[in-house]
Amino acid sequence: MSPRTKEQNEEIRLRRLAQIRKAAADVFLNKGPLLEIRDVAVQAGLGYGTVYHYYSNKGDLLHDLLWDALERAEGWLEASLEAPRASASGEAPAGGHFGLAAAAADTGNSATADSRSGSRETAAAAELGPVAAASVRLLQLWAEDHALYLLHKLAGESFASLPEARSAPLSAAFRREVLAPLAALLETGRAADGAAASGGNAAEPPYRLQHAEMLLAALVGCASLSLRRGKLHEEARDIVRFLKL
């Protein structure tokens, strides 16, 4: 048997990291800061020594997990911002519903979304306003990618689980890459509602970052119970209706 190539070893390393981070997100969802490396190993189906080889402490693991999730969160927002423009032109959004198949591969999730499912969700989202549709999409992503949920949950707590030297850069990046674009999406939705109500002259002041924070806090709080019951994906629309988005 020939030895593995450098590329094969790197592929194995990246796959193992994704497996560990996904397991850590699942464990953190139930145990919070009480999470231990041994818990992650059990959840991932790996030996303790294997996980410890990649992460010798839970602080490093949580830090990497959150930064990795932040990169995926940017993709969701880009798709959400593109959706109103694509809908107006009759085109499908370039980001679909954030490429759940790709997200599943990145996180080690075995769940994938086929093209027919994506088409149905895109058509259903078109019936909602941009903010409501984006909120449903985000809740459904949380159901499939627990690290994304944790990112938004811990952002509302200023990433207090991490030392300040690590939480401050993460908070700044979250504010820049998630809150600011989300505030822009909220403003777009508000302008559309105002234009419809006033015949095209929306005079409401623009949304600020605080409104984006409030929306995410409301979604995080409402999603918690459904997520623990494994019902978040199917109850996403009910949550959005309840919040009257």
Protein backbone atom coordinates (compact mmCIF):
# COMPACT_ATOMS: atom_id res chain seq x y z
CA MET A 1 0.00 0.00 0.00
CA SER A 2 1.53 3.28 -1.10
CA PRO A 3 1.85 6.11 1.43
CA ARG A 4 -0.69 8.93 1.30
CA THR A 5 0.20 12.05 -0.59
CA LYS A 6 0.48 15.46 1.02
CA GLU A 7 -2.84 16.44 -0.56
CA GLN A 8 -4.57 13.33 0.81
CA ASN A 9 -3.24 14.02 4.29
CA GLU A 10 -4.50 17.59 4.11
CA GLU A 11 -7.92 16.41 2.97
CA ILE A 12 -8.09 14.00 5.89
CA ARG A 13 -7.02 16.75 8.30
CA LEU A 14 -9.69 19.17 7.08
CA ARG A 15 -12.37 16.48 7.18
CA ARG A 16 -11.39 15.54 10.72
CA LEU A 17 -11.45 19.19 11.84
CA ALA A 18 -14.94 19.62 10.39
CA GLN A 19 -16.06 16.44 12.16
CA ILE A 20 -14.69 17.65 15.50
CA ARG A 21 -16.16 21.14 15.19
CA LYS A 22 -19.58 19.80 14.28
CA ALA A 23 -19.51 17.46 17.28
CA ALA A 24 -18.40 20.33 19.51
CA ALA A 25 -21.32 22.48 18.34
CA ASP A 26 -23.77 19.66 19.07
CA VAL A 27 -22.33 19.14 22.56
CA PHE A 28 -22.12 22.86 23.33
CA LEU A 29 -25.78 23.20 22.43
CA ASN A 30 -26.67 20.93 25.36
CA LYS A 31 -23.84 21.50 27.85
CA GLY A 32 -22.68 25.04 27.18
CA PRO A 33 -19.39 26.03 28.83
CA LEU A 34 -19.39 22.68 30.70
CA LEU A 35 -18.32 21.03 27.46
CA GLU A 36 -15.16 18.94 27.73
CA ILE A 37 -12.87 17.54 25.04
CA ARG A 38 -13.87 14.04 26.11
CA ASP A 39 -17.54 14.86 25.40
CA VAL A 40 -16.61 16.01 21.91
CA ALA A 41 -14.69 12.81 21.25
CA VAL A 42 -17.70 10.70 22.23
CA GLN A 43 -20.06 12.76 20.08
CA ALA A 44 -17.71 12.59 17.09
CA GLY A 45 -17.08 8.87 17.51
CA LEU A 46 -13.34 9.50 17.81
CA GLY A 47 -10.73 8.60 20.37
CA TYR A 48 -9.93 11.18 23.02
CA GLY A 49 -6.31 11.27 21.85
CA THR A 50 -7.37 11.99 18.28
CA VAL A 51 -9.44 15.02 19.27
CA TYR A 52 -6.76 16.17 21.72
CA HIS A 53 -4.23 16.03 18.88
CA TYR A 54 -6.18 18.75 17.09
CA TYR A 55 -7.47 20.66 20.12
CA SER A 56 -5.80 20.42 23.49
CA ASN A 57 -8.37 22.69 25.15
CA LYS A 58 -11.99 23.67 24.61
CA GLY A 59 -11.18 27.37 24.33
CA ASP A 60 -9.23 26.85 21.11
CA LEU A 61 -11.95 24.56 19.78
CA LEU A 62 -14.74 27.04 20.49
CA HIS A 63 -12.70 29.90 19.03
CA ASP A 64 -12.10 28.07 15.73
CA LEU A 65 -15.67 26.79 15.60
CA LEU A 66 -17.06 30.33 15.84
CA TRP A 67 -14.72 31.84 13.25
CA ASP A 68 -15.54 29.01 10.87
CA ALA A 69 -19.26 29.60 11.41
CA LEU A 70 -18.81 33.32 10.82
CA GLU A 71 -17.52 32.64 7.30
CA ARG A 72 -20.67 30.63 6.54
CA ALA A 73 -22.90 33.33 8.06
CA GLU A 74 -21.54 35.79 5.52
CA GLY A 75 -22.74 33.51 2.73
CA TRP A 76 -26.27 33.42 4.17
CA LEU A 77 -26.48 37.20 4.30
CA GLU A 78 -25.21 37.60 0.76
CA ALA A 79 -27.94 35.25 -0.47
CA SER A 80 -30.58 37.10 1.57
CA LEU A 81 -29.53 40.50 0.25
CA GLU A 82 -29.55 39.15 -3.31
CA ALA A 83 -33.01 37.58 -3.01
CA PRO A 84 -35.09 40.80 -3.32
CA ARG A 85 -33.11 41.88 -6.38
CA ALA A 86 -33.37 38.43 -7.99
CA SER A 87 -37.09 38.26 -7.23
CA ALA A 88 -37.65 41.62 -8.91
CA SER A 89 -35.80 40.47 -12.03
CA GLY A 90 -37.42 37.03 -12.11
CA GLU A 91 -34.12 35.22 -11.51
CA ALA A 92 -33.28 32.65 -8.86
CA PRO A 93 -31.02 33.98 -6.07
CA ALA A 94 -27.39 33.19 -6.76
CA GLY A 95 -26.91 31.81 -3.28
CA GLY A 96 -30.04 29.69 -3.27
CA HIS A 97 -30.77 29.01 0.36
CA PHE A 98 -27.06 29.33 1.19
CA GLY A 99 -26.12 26.07 -0.47
CA LEU A 100 -27.14 23.69 2.30
CA ALA A 101 -25.36 20.85 0.55
CA ALA A 102 -22.12 22.83 0.72
CA ALA A 103 -22.77 23.82 4.32
CA ALA A 104 -23.38 20.19 5.20
CA ALA A 105 -20.06 19.21 3.65
CA ASP A 106 -18.23 21.98 5.50
CA THR A 107 -19.61 20.93 8.87
CA GLY A 108 -19.55 17.17 8.41
CA ASN A 109 -23.36 17.09 8.43
CA SER A 110 -24.73 14.10 6.51
CA ALA A 111 -27.90 15.98 5.60
CA THR A 112 -27.98 17.43 2.05
CA ALA A 113 -30.50 19.48 0.15
CA ASP A 114 -31.41 18.38 -3.36
CA SER A 115 -32.28 20.80 -6.14
CA ARG A 116 -36.02 20.15 -5.93
CA SER A 117 -36.09 20.97 -2.22
CA GLY A 118 -34.11 24.15 -2.85
CA SER A 119 -36.53 25.17 -5.60
CA ARG A 120 -39.54 24.64 -3.35
CA GLU A 121 -38.00 26.71 -0.56
CA THR A 122 -37.01 29.47 -2.98
CA ALA A 123 -40.56 29.63 -4.34
CA ALA A 124 -42.04 29.63 -0.83
CA ALA A 125 -39.67 32.38 0.30
CA ALA A 126 -40.81 34.54 -2.60
CA GLU A 127 -44.26 34.70 -0.97
CA LEU A 128 -42.78 36.42 2.09
CA GLY A 129 -41.24 39.83 2.53
CA PRO A 130 -37.42 40.01 2.41
CA VAL A 131 -36.98 40.13 6.20
CA ALA A 132 -39.42 37.29 6.89
CA ALA A 133 -37.94 35.13 4.13
CA ALA A 134 -34.41 35.74 5.37
CA SER A 135 -35.46 34.92 8.93
CA VAL A 136 -37.02 31.61 7.86
CA ARG A 137 -33.86 30.80 5.92
CA LEU A 138 -31.65 31.58 8.90
CA LEU A 139 -33.73 29.45 11.29
CA GLN A 140 -33.59 26.52 8.90
CA LEU A 141 -29.84 26.90 8.58
CA TRP A 142 -29.54 26.84 12.35
CA ALA A 143 -31.47 23.56 12.36
CA GLU A 144 -28.86 21.97 10.08
CA ASP A 145 -25.74 23.76 11.30
CA HIS A 146 -25.67 24.14 15.08
CA ALA A 147 -22.41 26.07 14.93
CA LEU A 148 -24.25 28.86 13.09
CA TYR A 149 -26.85 28.97 15.86
CA LEU A 150 -24.14 29.13 18.50
CA LEU A 151 -22.41 31.95 16.65
CA HIS A 152 -25.53 34.12 16.74
CA LYS A 153 -26.40 33.10 20.30
CA LEU A 154 -22.95 33.82 21.72
CA ALA A 155 -22.67 37.05 19.73
CA GLY A 156 -25.65 38.30 21.75
CA GLU A 157 -23.57 37.59 24.86
CA SER A 158 -20.53 39.39 23.41
CA PHE A 159 -18.76 36.04 23.21
CA ALA A 160 -18.25 36.07 26.97
CA SER A 161 -17.19 32.41 26.88
CA LEU A 162 -13.89 33.52 25.32
CA PRO A 163 -11.10 35.65 26.79
CA GLU A 164 -11.33 39.33 25.83
CA ALA A 165 -8.30 39.06 23.55
CA ARG A 166 -10.28 36.58 21.47
CA SER A 167 -13.82 37.85 21.97
CA ALA A 168 -13.10 41.44 20.92
CA PRO A 169 -11.89 40.63 17.35
CA LEU A 170 -14.72 38.15 16.92
CA SER A 171 -17.30 40.69 18.10
CA ALA A 172 -15.91 43.32 15.73
CA ALA A 173 -15.99 40.90 12.81
CA PHE A 174 -19.54 39.80 13.64
CA ARG A 175 -20.65 43.39 13.81
CA ARG A 176 -19.05 44.17 10.47
CA GLU A 177 -19.88 40.99 8.55
CA VAL A 178 -23.27 40.06 10.02
CA LEU A 179 -24.96 42.93 11.86
CA ALA A 180 -24.23 45.67 9.31
CA PRO A 181 -25.50 43.66 6.29
CA LEU A 182 -28.50 42.48 8.32
CA ALA A 183 -29.31 46.10 9.21
CA ALA A 184 -29.17 46.88 5.49
CA LEU A 185 -31.59 44.02 4.79
CA LEU A 186 -33.94 45.32 7.48
CA GLU A 187 -33.80 48.77 5.96
CA THR A 188 -34.61 47.33 2.54
CA GLY A 189 -37.62 45.50 3.95
CA ARG A 190 -38.79 48.55 5.85
CA ALA A 191 -38.44 50.75 2.78
CA ALA A 192 -40.48 48.29 0.72
CA ASP A 193 -43.24 48.21 3.35
CA GLY A 194 -43.22 51.99 3.62
CA ALA A 195 -43.35 52.43 -0.13
CA ALA A 196 -46.33 50.10 -0.38
CA ALA A 197 -48.15 51.95 2.37
CA SER A 198 -47.36 55.46 1.14
CA GLY A 199 -47.47 54.94 -2.59
CA GLY A 200 -43.70 54.89 -2.99
CA ASN A 201 -42.51 57.48 -0.49
CA ALA A 202 -40.97 55.70 2.51
CA ALA A 203 -40.01 58.30 5.09
CA GLU A 204 -39.03 56.07 8.00
CA PRO A 205 -35.47 56.54 9.34
CA PRO A 206 -32.99 53.80 8.43
CA TYR A 207 -32.58 50.81 10.67
CA ARG A 208 -29.56 50.80 12.93
CA LEU A 209 -27.42 47.97 14.19
CA GLN A 210 -29.50 47.77 17.38
CA HIS A 211 -32.49 46.61 15.36
CA ALA A 212 -30.42 43.84 13.79
CA GLU A 213 -29.27 42.78 17.28
CA MET A 214 -32.87 42.76 18.52
CA LEU A 215 -34.04 40.65 15.61
CA LEU A 216 -31.30 38.09 16.11
CA ALA A 217 -31.95 37.96 19.87
CA ALA A 218 -35.64 37.31 19.22
CA LEU A 219 -34.88 34.57 16.70
CA VAL A 220 -32.29 32.94 18.98
CA GLY A 221 -34.71 32.90 21.92
CA CYS A 222 -37.62 31.52 19.91
CA ALA A 223 -35.45 28.93 18.16
CA SER A 224 -34.04 27.41 21.33
CA LEU A 225 -36.97 25.15 22.23
CA SER A 226 -37.64 24.01 18.68
CA LEU A 227 -33.95 23.31 18.15
CA ARG A 228 -33.70 21.10 21.23
CA ARG A 229 -36.77 19.16 20.11
CA GLY A 230 -35.33 18.70 16.63
CA LYS A 231 -38.27 20.61 15.13
CA LEU A 232 -36.68 23.91 14.14
CA HIS A 233 -36.62 23.35 10.40
CA GLU A 234 -40.35 22.60 10.18
CA GLU A 235 -41.34 25.22 12.79
CA ALA A 236 -39.28 28.06 11.29
CA ARG A 237 -42.26 29.64 9.55
CA ASP A 238 -44.38 29.43 12.70
CA ILE A 239 -41.68 31.30 14.62
CA VAL A 240 -41.52 34.03 11.97
CA ARG A 241 -45.30 34.35 12.01
CA PHE A 242 -45.28 34.57 15.80
CA LEU A 243 -42.73 37.40 15.64
CA LYS A 244 -44.85 39.07 12.92
CA LEU A 245 -41.85 39.74 10.68
